[in-house]
Amino acid sequence: MRIEFPAPYDIHWQAMDIDKKSRARLKGQEARILWFTGLSAAGKSTIANLVDARLHALGKHTYLLDGDNIRLGLNKDLGFTDADRVENIRRIAEVAGLMVDAGLIALVAFISPFRRERAMARKLVAPGEFVEIFIDTPIAVAEARDPKGLYKKARLGELKDFTGIDSPYEPPQDPEIRIDTTATSAHEAAERIIAFLGFRG
């Protein structure tokens, strides 16, 4: 793999002796990205946190990347325009890809509103290593929850480019897992995801 840079740079991929499979085998698991997508207040972080705790109890090596937490550090320079949202997902996809290379199970809880960026994230890892989990919550239900008061601010025009109000959300067309939160509790959703992972090996 070689990417050309203008002179005087000469940057290319450095091969390493220890690979992803070796790191994952040492941990007794298969590395994966569990990508939770859905509207704000859909329940992504809640369910991802329950899955993370369950995997930890099972002795798995994980790390949870949460959209709000990442925007307080790595992505604090980004806003909420479409271009910034794309860059937000590009960065976190690369980080999650590195975690998979380290043999970890990376849980990613981001709105990630655009299908193209989620597809880009999928392509960063091997087939079967990306599990798209659609936390399917109708906007009326998410807005009724509104724990941070964001929908109210968006409706009043105080918050621009808010997903579902004046910025689009493109739901997954064929996710590995779809969670209907109107019919499934957070704990039931977490157990379903754990069962899916067990089935996958």
N, C-alpha and C. Protein backbone atom coordinates (compact mmCIF):
# COMPACT_ATOMS: atom_id res chain seq x y z
N MET A 1 0.85 -1.19 0.00
CA MET A 1 0.00 0.00 0.00
C MET A 1 0.89 1.24 0.00
N ARG A 2 0.76 2.07 -1.01
CA ARG A 2 1.62 3.25 -1.10
C ARG A 2 0.79 4.46 -1.54
N ILE A 3 0.86 5.53 -0.77
CA ILE A 3 0.18 6.78 -1.11
C ILE A 3 1.24 7.79 -1.48
N GLU A 4 1.10 8.42 -2.63
CA GLU A 4 2.09 9.38 -3.10
C GLU A 4 1.89 10.74 -2.44
N PHE A 5 2.96 11.33 -1.95
CA PHE A 5 2.96 12.67 -1.38
C PHE A 5 3.88 13.56 -2.20
N PRO A 6 3.59 14.87 -2.24
CA PRO A 6 4.49 15.78 -2.96
C PRO A 6 5.89 15.76 -2.36
N ALA A 7 6.92 15.99 -3.18
CA ALA A 7 8.28 16.11 -2.67
C ALA A 7 8.33 17.24 -1.63
N PRO A 8 9.12 17.14 -0.57
CA PRO A 8 10.16 16.14 -0.35
C PRO A 8 9.70 14.93 0.49
N TYR A 9 8.39 14.75 0.63
CA TYR A 9 7.90 13.66 1.46
C TYR A 9 8.02 12.31 0.74
N ASP A 10 8.31 11.28 1.53
CA ASP A 10 8.34 9.92 1.00
C ASP A 10 7.74 9.02 2.09
N ILE A 11 6.42 8.95 2.10
CA ILE A 11 5.70 8.25 3.16
C ILE A 11 5.04 7.01 2.57
N HIS A 12 5.24 5.88 3.21
CA HIS A 12 4.58 4.66 2.76
C HIS A 12 4.29 3.78 3.96
N TRP A 13 3.45 2.78 3.73
CA TRP A 13 3.01 1.89 4.82
C TRP A 13 4.17 1.08 5.36
N GLN A 14 4.32 1.09 6.69
CA GLN A 14 5.37 0.34 7.36
C GLN A 14 4.82 -1.00 7.83
N ALA A 15 5.34 -2.08 7.31
CA ALA A 15 4.88 -3.42 7.72
C ALA A 15 5.33 -3.73 9.14
N MET A 16 4.48 -4.44 9.89
CA MET A 16 4.77 -4.82 11.28
C MET A 16 4.77 -6.35 11.42
N ASP A 17 5.57 -6.86 12.34
CA ASP A 17 5.66 -8.31 12.53
C ASP A 17 4.42 -8.88 13.21
N ILE A 18 3.84 -8.13 14.16
CA ILE A 18 2.67 -8.61 14.89
C ILE A 18 1.42 -8.07 14.21
N ASP A 19 0.51 -8.96 13.83
CA ASP A 19 -0.67 -8.53 13.10
C ASP A 19 -1.93 -8.59 13.95
N LYS A 20 -3.03 -8.17 13.35
CA LYS A 20 -4.32 -8.10 14.02
C LYS A 20 -4.74 -9.45 14.59
N LYS A 21 -4.60 -10.50 13.80
CA LYS A 21 -5.04 -11.82 14.27
C LYS A 21 -4.24 -12.27 15.48
N SER A 22 -2.96 -11.95 15.50
CA SER A 22 -2.11 -12.33 16.65
C SER A 22 -2.56 -11.59 17.90
N ARG A 23 -2.87 -10.30 17.75
CA ARG A 23 -3.30 -9.51 18.91
C ARG A 23 -4.66 -9.98 19.42
N ALA A 24 -5.56 -10.26 18.50
CA ALA A 24 -6.90 -10.73 18.90
C ALA A 24 -6.82 -12.11 19.54
N ARG A 25 -5.98 -12.99 18.99
CA ARG A 25 -5.83 -14.34 19.53
C ARG A 25 -5.31 -14.28 20.97
N LEU A 26 -4.40 -13.37 21.24
CA LEU A 26 -3.87 -13.20 22.59
C LEU A 26 -4.98 -12.83 23.57
N LYS A 27 -5.99 -12.12 23.08
CA LYS A 27 -7.11 -11.68 23.91
C LYS A 27 -8.26 -12.70 23.92
N GLY A 28 -8.14 -13.74 23.11
CA GLY A 28 -9.19 -14.75 23.06
C GLY A 28 -10.49 -14.27 22.45
N GLN A 29 -10.39 -13.45 21.41
CA GLN A 29 -11.60 -12.91 20.80
C GLN A 29 -11.35 -12.57 19.33
N GLU A 30 -12.43 -12.24 18.63
CA GLU A 30 -12.33 -11.73 17.28
C GLU A 30 -12.56 -10.22 17.32
N ALA A 31 -11.65 -9.47 16.72
CA ALA A 31 -11.78 -8.01 16.72
C ALA A 31 -12.93 -7.59 15.82
N ARG A 32 -13.67 -6.57 16.26
CA ARG A 32 -14.80 -6.08 15.49
C ARG A 32 -15.08 -4.62 15.80
N ILE A 33 -15.81 -3.98 14.90
CA ILE A 33 -16.42 -2.69 15.18
C ILE A 33 -17.92 -2.92 15.32
N LEU A 34 -18.48 -2.51 16.45
CA LEU A 34 -19.93 -2.50 16.64
C LEU A 34 -20.37 -1.05 16.47
N TRP A 35 -21.00 -0.74 15.35
CA TRP A 35 -21.30 0.64 14.99
C TRP A 35 -22.78 0.93 15.26
N PHE A 36 -23.04 1.70 16.32
CA PHE A 36 -24.40 2.06 16.71
C PHE A 36 -24.78 3.38 16.05
N THR A 37 -25.82 3.38 15.23
CA THR A 37 -26.27 4.59 14.56
C THR A 37 -27.76 4.81 14.82
N GLY A 38 -28.16 6.07 14.83
CA GLY A 38 -29.55 6.42 15.07
C GLY A 38 -29.65 7.89 15.45
N LEU A 39 -30.85 8.37 15.58
CA LEU A 39 -31.07 9.77 15.92
C LEU A 39 -30.55 10.12 17.30
N SER A 40 -30.39 11.40 17.55
CA SER A 40 -30.10 11.87 18.91
C SER A 40 -31.23 11.42 19.83
N ALA A 41 -30.88 10.91 21.00
CA ALA A 41 -31.83 10.40 22.00
C ALA A 41 -32.49 9.09 21.59
N ALA A 42 -31.94 8.42 20.57
CA ALA A 42 -32.48 7.12 20.17
C ALA A 42 -32.18 6.05 21.21
N GLY A 43 -31.06 6.20 21.92
CA GLY A 43 -30.64 5.20 22.91
C GLY A 43 -29.33 4.54 22.57
N LYS A 44 -28.59 5.10 21.62
CA LYS A 44 -27.32 4.50 21.17
C LYS A 44 -26.33 4.33 22.31
N SER A 45 -26.06 5.41 23.03
CA SER A 45 -25.05 5.35 24.10
C SER A 45 -25.49 4.44 25.24
N THR A 46 -26.77 4.49 25.57
CA THR A 46 -27.29 3.64 26.65
C THR A 46 -27.10 2.17 26.31
N ILE A 47 -27.51 1.79 25.11
CA ILE A 47 -27.40 0.37 24.71
C ILE A 47 -25.94 -0.03 24.53
N ALA A 48 -25.14 0.84 23.90
CA ALA A 48 -23.72 0.53 23.72
C ALA A 48 -23.03 0.34 25.06
N ASN A 49 -23.37 1.16 26.05
CA ASN A 49 -22.77 1.04 27.37
C ASN A 49 -23.14 -0.28 28.03
N LEU A 50 -24.39 -0.72 27.85
CA LEU A 50 -24.81 -2.01 28.40
C LEU A 50 -24.08 -3.16 27.71
N VAL A 51 -23.92 -3.07 26.39
CA VAL A 51 -23.19 -4.11 25.66
C VAL A 51 -21.74 -4.14 26.11
N ASP A 52 -21.15 -2.96 26.28
CA ASP A 52 -19.75 -2.87 26.71
C ASP A 52 -19.57 -3.54 28.08
N ALA A 53 -20.48 -3.23 29.01
CA ALA A 53 -20.40 -3.82 30.35
C ALA A 53 -20.57 -5.34 30.30
N ARG A 54 -21.47 -5.79 29.44
CA ARG A 54 -21.71 -7.23 29.31
C ARG A 54 -20.48 -7.94 28.73
N LEU A 55 -19.89 -7.35 27.71
CA LEU A 55 -18.68 -7.93 27.12
C LEU A 55 -17.53 -7.94 28.12
N HIS A 56 -17.42 -6.87 28.88
CA HIS A 56 -16.36 -6.80 29.91
C HIS A 56 -16.54 -7.93 30.93
N ALA A 57 -17.79 -8.16 31.33
CA ALA A 57 -18.07 -9.22 32.29
C ALA A 57 -17.74 -10.60 31.72
N LEU A 58 -17.79 -10.70 30.40
CA LEU A 58 -17.45 -11.96 29.73
C LEU A 58 -15.94 -12.09 29.47
N GLY A 59 -15.18 -11.10 29.93
CA GLY A 59 -13.73 -11.16 29.78
C GLY A 59 -13.22 -10.66 28.44
N LYS A 60 -14.05 -9.92 27.71
CA LYS A 60 -13.64 -9.40 26.41
C LYS A 60 -12.93 -8.05 26.56
N HIS A 61 -12.08 -7.76 25.60
CA HIS A 61 -11.31 -6.51 25.61
C HIS A 61 -12.00 -5.54 24.65
N THR A 62 -12.54 -4.46 25.20
CA THR A 62 -13.36 -3.54 24.44
C THR A 62 -12.94 -2.09 24.66
N TYR A 63 -13.49 -1.22 23.82
CA TYR A 63 -13.42 0.22 24.10
C TYR A 63 -14.61 0.88 23.44
N LEU A 64 -15.29 1.75 24.21
CA LEU A 64 -16.49 2.44 23.73
C LEU A 64 -16.14 3.87 23.33
N LEU A 65 -16.38 4.18 22.07
CA LEU A 65 -16.18 5.52 21.53
C LEU A 65 -17.55 6.18 21.42
N ASP A 66 -17.79 7.20 22.22
CA ASP A 66 -19.08 7.88 22.26
C ASP A 66 -18.98 9.24 21.58
N GLY A 67 -20.00 9.57 20.79
CA GLY A 67 -19.98 10.79 20.00
C GLY A 67 -19.73 12.05 20.81
N ASP A 68 -20.45 12.23 21.91
CA ASP A 68 -20.26 13.43 22.73
C ASP A 68 -18.87 13.47 23.34
N ASN A 69 -18.41 12.34 23.86
CA ASN A 69 -17.08 12.30 24.49
C ASN A 69 -15.98 12.64 23.50
N ILE A 70 -16.08 12.12 22.29
CA ILE A 70 -15.05 12.38 21.28
C ILE A 70 -15.05 13.84 20.87
N ARG A 71 -16.22 14.47 20.86
CA ARG A 71 -16.29 15.89 20.50
C ARG A 71 -15.73 16.79 21.59
N LEU A 72 -15.50 16.26 22.78
CA LEU A 72 -14.85 17.03 23.84
C LEU A 72 -13.33 16.98 23.74
N GLY A 73 -12.81 16.12 22.86
CA GLY A 73 -11.36 15.97 22.74
C GLY A 73 -10.91 15.95 21.30
N LEU A 74 -10.78 14.75 20.75
CA LEU A 74 -10.25 14.56 19.40
C LEU A 74 -10.94 15.43 18.36
N ASN A 75 -12.27 15.54 18.44
CA ASN A 75 -13.03 16.25 17.41
C ASN A 75 -13.63 17.58 17.91
N LYS A 76 -13.00 18.18 18.91
CA LYS A 76 -13.56 19.41 19.46
C LYS A 76 -13.44 20.59 18.50
N ASP A 77 -12.65 20.45 17.45
CA ASP A 77 -12.52 21.52 16.47
C ASP A 77 -13.61 21.47 15.40
N LEU A 78 -14.49 20.49 15.46
CA LEU A 78 -15.51 20.31 14.42
C LEU A 78 -16.87 20.82 14.88
N GLY A 79 -17.62 21.37 13.93
CA GLY A 79 -18.98 21.80 14.20
C GLY A 79 -19.97 20.75 13.72
N PHE A 80 -21.13 21.21 13.24
CA PHE A 80 -22.18 20.29 12.85
C PHE A 80 -22.68 20.53 11.43
N THR A 81 -21.87 21.19 10.61
CA THR A 81 -22.22 21.28 9.20
C THR A 81 -22.06 19.89 8.58
N ASP A 82 -22.60 19.71 7.38
CA ASP A 82 -22.46 18.41 6.72
C ASP A 82 -20.99 18.04 6.56
N ALA A 83 -20.16 19.02 6.18
CA ALA A 83 -18.73 18.76 5.98
C ALA A 83 -18.06 18.34 7.28
N ASP A 84 -18.42 19.01 8.38
CA ASP A 84 -17.84 18.65 9.68
C ASP A 84 -18.33 17.29 10.15
N ARG A 85 -19.56 16.96 9.87
CA ARG A 85 -20.08 15.63 10.24
C ARG A 85 -19.33 14.53 9.49
N VAL A 86 -19.06 14.78 8.22
CA VAL A 86 -18.31 13.81 7.42
C VAL A 86 -16.92 13.61 8.01
N GLU A 87 -16.24 14.71 8.36
CA GLU A 87 -14.90 14.60 8.94
C GLU A 87 -14.95 13.95 10.31
N ASN A 88 -15.99 14.24 11.08
CA ASN A 88 -16.17 13.62 12.39
C ASN A 88 -16.19 12.10 12.26
N ILE A 89 -16.95 11.59 11.29
CA ILE A 89 -17.05 10.15 11.10
C ILE A 89 -15.77 9.58 10.49
N ARG A 90 -15.15 10.32 9.59
CA ARG A 90 -13.89 9.84 9.00
C ARG A 90 -12.85 9.59 10.10
N ARG A 91 -12.72 10.55 11.00
CA ARG A 91 -11.72 10.40 12.08
C ARG A 91 -12.05 9.23 12.98
N ILE A 92 -13.31 9.13 13.40
CA ILE A 92 -13.64 8.07 14.35
C ILE A 92 -13.58 6.70 13.69
N ALA A 93 -13.88 6.63 12.40
CA ALA A 93 -13.75 5.37 11.68
C ALA A 93 -12.30 4.92 11.65
N GLU A 94 -11.39 5.86 11.43
CA GLU A 94 -9.96 5.52 11.42
C GLU A 94 -9.50 5.05 12.80
N VAL A 95 -9.98 5.73 13.85
CA VAL A 95 -9.63 5.32 15.22
C VAL A 95 -10.17 3.91 15.51
N ALA A 96 -11.43 3.68 15.15
CA ALA A 96 -12.02 2.35 15.37
C ALA A 96 -11.27 1.29 14.58
N GLY A 97 -10.85 1.63 13.36
CA GLY A 97 -10.07 0.69 12.56
C GLY A 97 -8.75 0.33 13.23
N LEU A 98 -8.11 1.32 13.84
CA LEU A 98 -6.87 1.05 14.58
C LEU A 98 -7.13 0.14 15.78
N MET A 99 -8.26 0.34 16.43
CA MET A 99 -8.60 -0.51 17.58
C MET A 99 -8.83 -1.95 17.15
N VAL A 100 -9.47 -2.13 16.00
CA VAL A 100 -9.63 -3.49 15.47
C VAL A 100 -8.26 -4.09 15.16
N ASP A 101 -7.37 -3.29 14.60
CA ASP A 101 -6.02 -3.77 14.31
C ASP A 101 -5.29 -4.16 15.60
N ALA A 102 -5.66 -3.52 16.71
CA ALA A 102 -5.08 -3.86 18.02
C ALA A 102 -5.74 -5.08 18.64
N GLY A 103 -6.73 -5.66 17.96
CA GLY A 103 -7.39 -6.86 18.46
C GLY A 103 -8.56 -6.60 19.38
N LEU A 104 -9.02 -5.35 19.43
CA LEU A 104 -10.11 -4.97 20.34
C LEU A 104 -11.48 -5.09 19.68
N ILE A 105 -12.50 -5.09 20.50
CA ILE A 105 -13.87 -4.90 20.04
C ILE A 105 -14.20 -3.44 20.31
N ALA A 106 -14.33 -2.66 19.24
CA ALA A 106 -14.60 -1.23 19.36
C ALA A 106 -16.10 -0.98 19.21
N LEU A 107 -16.69 -0.33 20.20
CA LEU A 107 -18.09 0.05 20.13
C LEU A 107 -18.15 1.54 19.79
N VAL A 108 -18.85 1.88 18.73
CA VAL A 108 -18.91 3.25 18.24
C VAL A 108 -20.36 3.72 18.30
N ALA A 109 -20.65 4.71 19.17
CA ALA A 109 -22.01 5.23 19.32
C ALA A 109 -22.04 6.67 18.80
N PHE A 110 -22.35 6.81 17.53
CA PHE A 110 -22.41 8.10 16.85
C PHE A 110 -23.69 8.19 16.04
N ILE A 111 -24.29 9.35 15.94
CA ILE A 111 -25.45 9.52 15.07
C ILE A 111 -25.09 9.04 13.67
N SER A 112 -23.93 9.46 13.19
CA SER A 112 -23.42 9.10 11.85
C SER A 112 -24.55 9.08 10.82
N PRO A 113 -25.05 10.26 10.45
CA PRO A 113 -26.31 10.34 9.69
C PRO A 113 -26.24 9.91 8.23
N PHE A 114 -25.02 9.85 7.65
CA PHE A 114 -24.94 9.62 6.21
C PHE A 114 -24.49 8.19 5.88
N ARG A 115 -25.19 7.54 4.97
CA ARG A 115 -24.87 6.16 4.58
C ARG A 115 -23.47 6.07 3.99
N ARG A 116 -23.07 7.05 3.21
CA ARG A 116 -21.77 6.98 2.54
C ARG A 116 -20.63 6.89 3.56
N GLU A 117 -20.72 7.65 4.65
CA GLU A 117 -19.66 7.62 5.65
C GLU A 117 -19.67 6.32 6.44
N ARG A 118 -20.85 5.78 6.71
CA ARG A 118 -20.91 4.47 7.38
C ARG A 118 -20.34 3.39 6.47
N ALA A 119 -20.60 3.49 5.17
CA ALA A 119 -20.03 2.53 4.22
C ALA A 119 -18.52 2.66 4.17
N MET A 120 -18.02 3.89 4.26
CA MET A 120 -16.58 4.12 4.28
C MET A 120 -15.95 3.44 5.50
N ALA A 121 -16.61 3.59 6.65
CA ALA A 121 -16.09 2.97 7.88
C ALA A 121 -16.05 1.45 7.74
N ARG A 122 -17.07 0.88 7.12
CA ARG A 122 -17.12 -0.57 6.92
C ARG A 122 -15.94 -1.06 6.08
N LYS A 123 -15.58 -0.28 5.07
CA LYS A 123 -14.53 -0.69 4.16
C LYS A 123 -13.13 -0.65 4.78
N LEU A 124 -13.00 -0.02 5.96
CA LEU A 124 -11.70 0.08 6.61
C LEU A 124 -11.27 -1.23 7.27
N VAL A 125 -12.22 -2.14 7.47
CA VAL A 125 -11.91 -3.41 8.11
C VAL A 125 -12.33 -4.56 7.21
N ALA A 126 -11.95 -5.76 7.60
CA ALA A 126 -12.22 -6.94 6.78
C ALA A 126 -13.70 -7.30 6.81
N PRO A 127 -14.18 -8.03 5.80
CA PRO A 127 -15.56 -8.49 5.80
C PRO A 127 -15.90 -9.25 7.09
N GLY A 128 -17.05 -8.93 7.68
CA GLY A 128 -17.48 -9.57 8.92
C GLY A 128 -17.02 -8.86 10.18
N GLU A 129 -16.10 -7.90 10.04
CA GLU A 129 -15.59 -7.20 11.23
C GLU A 129 -16.38 -5.93 11.56
N PHE A 130 -17.29 -5.55 10.70
CA PHE A 130 -18.10 -4.34 10.92
C PHE A 130 -19.54 -4.77 11.12
N VAL A 131 -20.09 -4.44 12.27
CA VAL A 131 -21.48 -4.79 12.59
C VAL A 131 -22.26 -3.48 12.75
N GLU A 132 -23.12 -3.19 11.78
CA GLU A 132 -23.93 -1.98 11.86
C GLU A 132 -25.18 -2.27 12.67
N ILE A 133 -25.40 -1.47 13.71
CA ILE A 133 -26.53 -1.66 14.62
C ILE A 133 -27.39 -0.41 14.56
N PHE A 134 -28.54 -0.53 13.95
CA PHE A 134 -29.44 0.59 13.77
C PHE A 134 -30.38 0.68 14.97
N ILE A 135 -30.20 1.71 15.78
CA ILE A 135 -31.10 1.95 16.91
C ILE A 135 -32.26 2.76 16.35
N ASP A 136 -33.29 2.03 15.97
CA ASP A 136 -34.40 2.58 15.20
C ASP A 136 -35.46 3.16 16.14
N THR A 137 -35.42 4.46 16.28
CA THR A 137 -36.35 5.18 17.16
C THR A 137 -37.03 6.28 16.35
N PRO A 138 -38.34 6.27 16.25
CA PRO A 138 -39.02 7.35 15.52
C PRO A 138 -38.68 8.71 16.11
N ILE A 139 -38.62 9.72 15.26
CA ILE A 139 -38.22 11.04 15.75
C ILE A 139 -39.16 11.56 16.83
N ALA A 140 -40.45 11.22 16.74
CA ALA A 140 -41.39 11.68 17.76
C ALA A 140 -41.03 11.11 19.13
N VAL A 141 -40.59 9.86 19.15
CA VAL A 141 -40.20 9.22 20.42
C VAL A 141 -38.90 9.83 20.93
N ALA A 142 -37.92 9.99 20.04
CA ALA A 142 -36.64 10.59 20.44
C ALA A 142 -36.86 12.01 20.96
N GLU A 143 -37.73 12.75 20.27
CA GLU A 143 -37.98 14.13 20.68
C GLU A 143 -38.71 14.20 22.01
N ALA A 144 -39.58 13.24 22.28
CA ALA A 144 -40.29 13.20 23.56
C ALA A 144 -39.32 12.94 24.71
N ARG A 145 -38.27 12.15 24.44
CA ARG A 145 -37.26 11.89 25.48
C ARG A 145 -36.43 13.15 25.70
N ASP A 146 -35.75 13.58 24.66
CA ASP A 146 -34.96 14.81 24.61
C ASP A 146 -34.27 15.15 25.94
N PRO A 147 -33.41 14.26 26.47
CA PRO A 147 -32.81 14.49 27.80
C PRO A 147 -31.94 15.74 27.87
N LYS A 148 -31.40 16.19 26.74
CA LYS A 148 -30.53 17.37 26.74
C LYS A 148 -31.24 18.63 26.26
N GLY A 149 -32.51 18.50 25.90
CA GLY A 149 -33.25 19.65 25.42
C GLY A 149 -32.84 20.13 24.04
N LEU A 150 -32.20 19.24 23.25
CA LEU A 150 -31.66 19.65 21.96
C LEU A 150 -32.74 19.82 20.90
N TYR A 151 -33.72 18.93 20.90
CA TYR A 151 -34.80 19.05 19.92
C TYR A 151 -35.58 20.35 20.14
N LYS A 152 -35.81 20.68 21.39
CA LYS A 152 -36.53 21.92 21.70
C LYS A 152 -35.77 23.13 21.16
N LYS A 153 -34.45 23.14 21.38
CA LYS A 153 -33.64 24.25 20.87
C LYS A 153 -33.66 24.29 19.35
N ALA A 154 -33.61 23.10 18.72
CA ALA A 154 -33.64 23.04 17.26
C ALA A 154 -34.96 23.56 16.73
N ARG A 155 -36.07 23.19 17.36
CA ARG A 155 -37.38 23.65 16.93
C ARG A 155 -37.52 25.17 17.07
N LEU A 156 -36.83 25.73 18.06
CA LEU A 156 -36.88 27.18 18.28
C LEU A 156 -35.89 27.94 17.41
N GLY A 157 -35.10 27.18 16.63
CA GLY A 157 -34.12 27.83 15.76
C GLY A 157 -32.84 28.22 16.47
N GLU A 158 -32.66 27.75 17.70
CA GLU A 158 -31.46 28.09 18.48
C GLU A 158 -30.31 27.14 18.19
N LEU A 159 -30.61 26.03 17.52
CA LEU A 159 -29.61 25.02 17.21
C LEU A 159 -29.73 24.68 15.74
N LYS A 160 -28.70 25.01 14.97
CA LYS A 160 -28.74 24.80 13.53
C LYS A 160 -28.14 23.44 13.15
N ASP A 161 -28.52 22.94 11.99
CA ASP A 161 -27.98 21.69 11.43
C ASP A 161 -28.19 20.51 12.37
N PHE A 162 -29.38 20.44 12.97
CA PHE A 162 -29.67 19.36 13.91
C PHE A 162 -30.29 18.18 13.16
N THR A 163 -29.71 17.01 13.33
CA THR A 163 -30.16 15.82 12.61
C THR A 163 -31.63 15.51 12.91
N GLY A 164 -32.39 15.33 11.85
CA GLY A 164 -33.81 15.01 11.98
C GLY A 164 -34.70 16.23 11.91
N ILE A 165 -34.13 17.41 12.13
CA ILE A 165 -34.92 18.65 12.08
C ILE A 165 -34.56 19.44 10.82
N ASP A 166 -33.33 19.96 10.75
CA ASP A 166 -32.93 20.68 9.54
C ASP A 166 -31.66 20.10 8.91
N SER A 167 -31.32 18.89 9.30
CA SER A 167 -30.24 18.14 8.68
C SER A 167 -30.71 16.69 8.56
N PRO A 168 -30.46 16.04 7.43
CA PRO A 168 -31.07 14.72 7.20
C PRO A 168 -30.41 13.59 7.99
N TYR A 169 -31.18 12.54 8.23
CA TYR A 169 -30.65 11.27 8.72
C TYR A 169 -31.01 10.20 7.71
N GLU A 170 -30.02 9.46 7.24
CA GLU A 170 -30.24 8.41 6.26
C GLU A 170 -30.18 7.06 6.96
N PRO A 171 -31.31 6.43 7.24
CA PRO A 171 -31.29 5.17 7.98
C PRO A 171 -30.61 4.06 7.20
N PRO A 172 -29.99 3.12 7.88
CA PRO A 172 -29.35 1.99 7.20
C PRO A 172 -30.38 1.21 6.38
N GLN A 173 -29.94 0.72 5.23
CA GLN A 173 -30.83 -0.06 4.37
C GLN A 173 -30.75 -1.55 4.67
N ASP A 174 -29.59 -2.00 5.15
CA ASP A 174 -29.43 -3.43 5.43
C ASP A 174 -28.47 -3.64 6.60
N PRO A 175 -28.83 -3.14 7.79
CA PRO A 175 -27.93 -3.31 8.94
C PRO A 175 -27.87 -4.75 9.40
N GLU A 176 -26.78 -5.11 10.06
CA GLU A 176 -26.70 -6.46 10.64
C GLU A 176 -27.75 -6.63 11.74
N ILE A 177 -27.99 -5.57 12.50
CA ILE A 177 -28.95 -5.63 13.60
C ILE A 177 -29.80 -4.36 13.56
N ARG A 178 -31.11 -4.54 13.68
CA ARG A 178 -32.02 -3.39 13.82
C ARG A 178 -32.74 -3.54 15.15
N ILE A 179 -32.67 -2.51 15.98
CA ILE A 179 -33.33 -2.51 17.28
C ILE A 179 -34.49 -1.53 17.23
N ASP A 180 -35.70 -2.04 17.35
CA ASP A 180 -36.89 -1.18 17.43
C ASP A 180 -37.09 -0.82 18.90
N THR A 181 -36.73 0.40 19.26
CA THR A 181 -36.77 0.76 20.68
C THR A 181 -38.19 1.01 21.19
N THR A 182 -39.16 1.03 20.28
CA THR A 182 -40.55 1.14 20.75
C THR A 182 -41.07 -0.20 21.24
N ALA A 183 -40.36 -1.28 20.89
CA ALA A 183 -40.82 -2.62 21.27
C ALA A 183 -39.77 -3.40 22.07
N THR A 184 -38.56 -2.81 22.23
CA THR A 184 -37.45 -3.51 22.87
C THR A 184 -36.80 -2.60 23.91
N SER A 185 -36.62 -3.10 25.12
CA SER A 185 -35.94 -2.31 26.15
C SER A 185 -34.44 -2.28 25.88
N ALA A 186 -33.74 -1.36 26.53
CA ALA A 186 -32.30 -1.25 26.35
C ALA A 186 -31.60 -2.55 26.76
N HIS A 187 -32.02 -3.16 27.86
CA HIS A 187 -31.40 -4.40 28.33
C HIS A 187 -31.68 -5.55 27.36
N GLU A 188 -32.89 -5.61 26.83
CA GLU A 188 -33.21 -6.64 25.85
C GLU A 188 -32.39 -6.45 24.58
N ALA A 189 -32.22 -5.19 24.18
CA ALA A 189 -31.42 -4.88 22.99
C ALA A 189 -29.98 -5.33 23.19
N ALA A 190 -29.42 -5.04 24.37
CA ALA A 190 -28.04 -5.43 24.66
C ALA A 190 -27.87 -6.94 24.60
N GLU A 191 -28.81 -7.67 25.16
CA GLU A 191 -28.73 -9.14 25.15
C GLU A 191 -28.85 -9.68 23.73
N ARG A 192 -29.65 -9.04 22.92
CA ARG A 192 -29.79 -9.48 21.53
C ARG A 192 -28.48 -9.29 20.78
N ILE A 193 -27.80 -8.19 21.04
CA ILE A 193 -26.52 -7.92 20.38
C ILE A 193 -25.46 -8.93 20.85
N ILE A 194 -25.45 -9.22 22.14
CA ILE A 194 -24.52 -10.20 22.69
C ILE A 194 -24.77 -11.57 22.05
N ALA A 195 -26.04 -11.93 21.91
CA ALA A 195 -26.38 -13.22 21.30
C ALA A 195 -25.91 -13.25 19.84
N PHE A 196 -26.08 -12.16 19.13
CA PHE A 196 -25.63 -12.09 17.75
C PHE A 196 -24.12 -12.30 17.68
N LEU A 197 -23.38 -11.67 18.54
CA LEU A 197 -21.92 -11.82 18.54
C LEU A 197 -21.51 -13.25 18.85
N GLY A 198 -22.23 -13.89 19.75
CA GLY A 198 -21.94 -15.28 20.07
C GLY A 198 -22.18 -16.18 18.87
N PHE A 199 -23.25 -15.88 18.15
CA PHE A 199 -23.56 -16.66 16.96
C PHE A 199 -22.49 -16.49 15.89
N ARG A 200 -21.92 -15.26 15.83
CA ARG A 200 -20.90 -14.98 14.82
C ARG A 200 -19.55 -15.60 15.19
N GLY A 201 -19.42 -16.12 16.38
CA GLY A 201 -18.18 -16.84 16.68
C GLY A 201 -17.40 -16.33 17.84
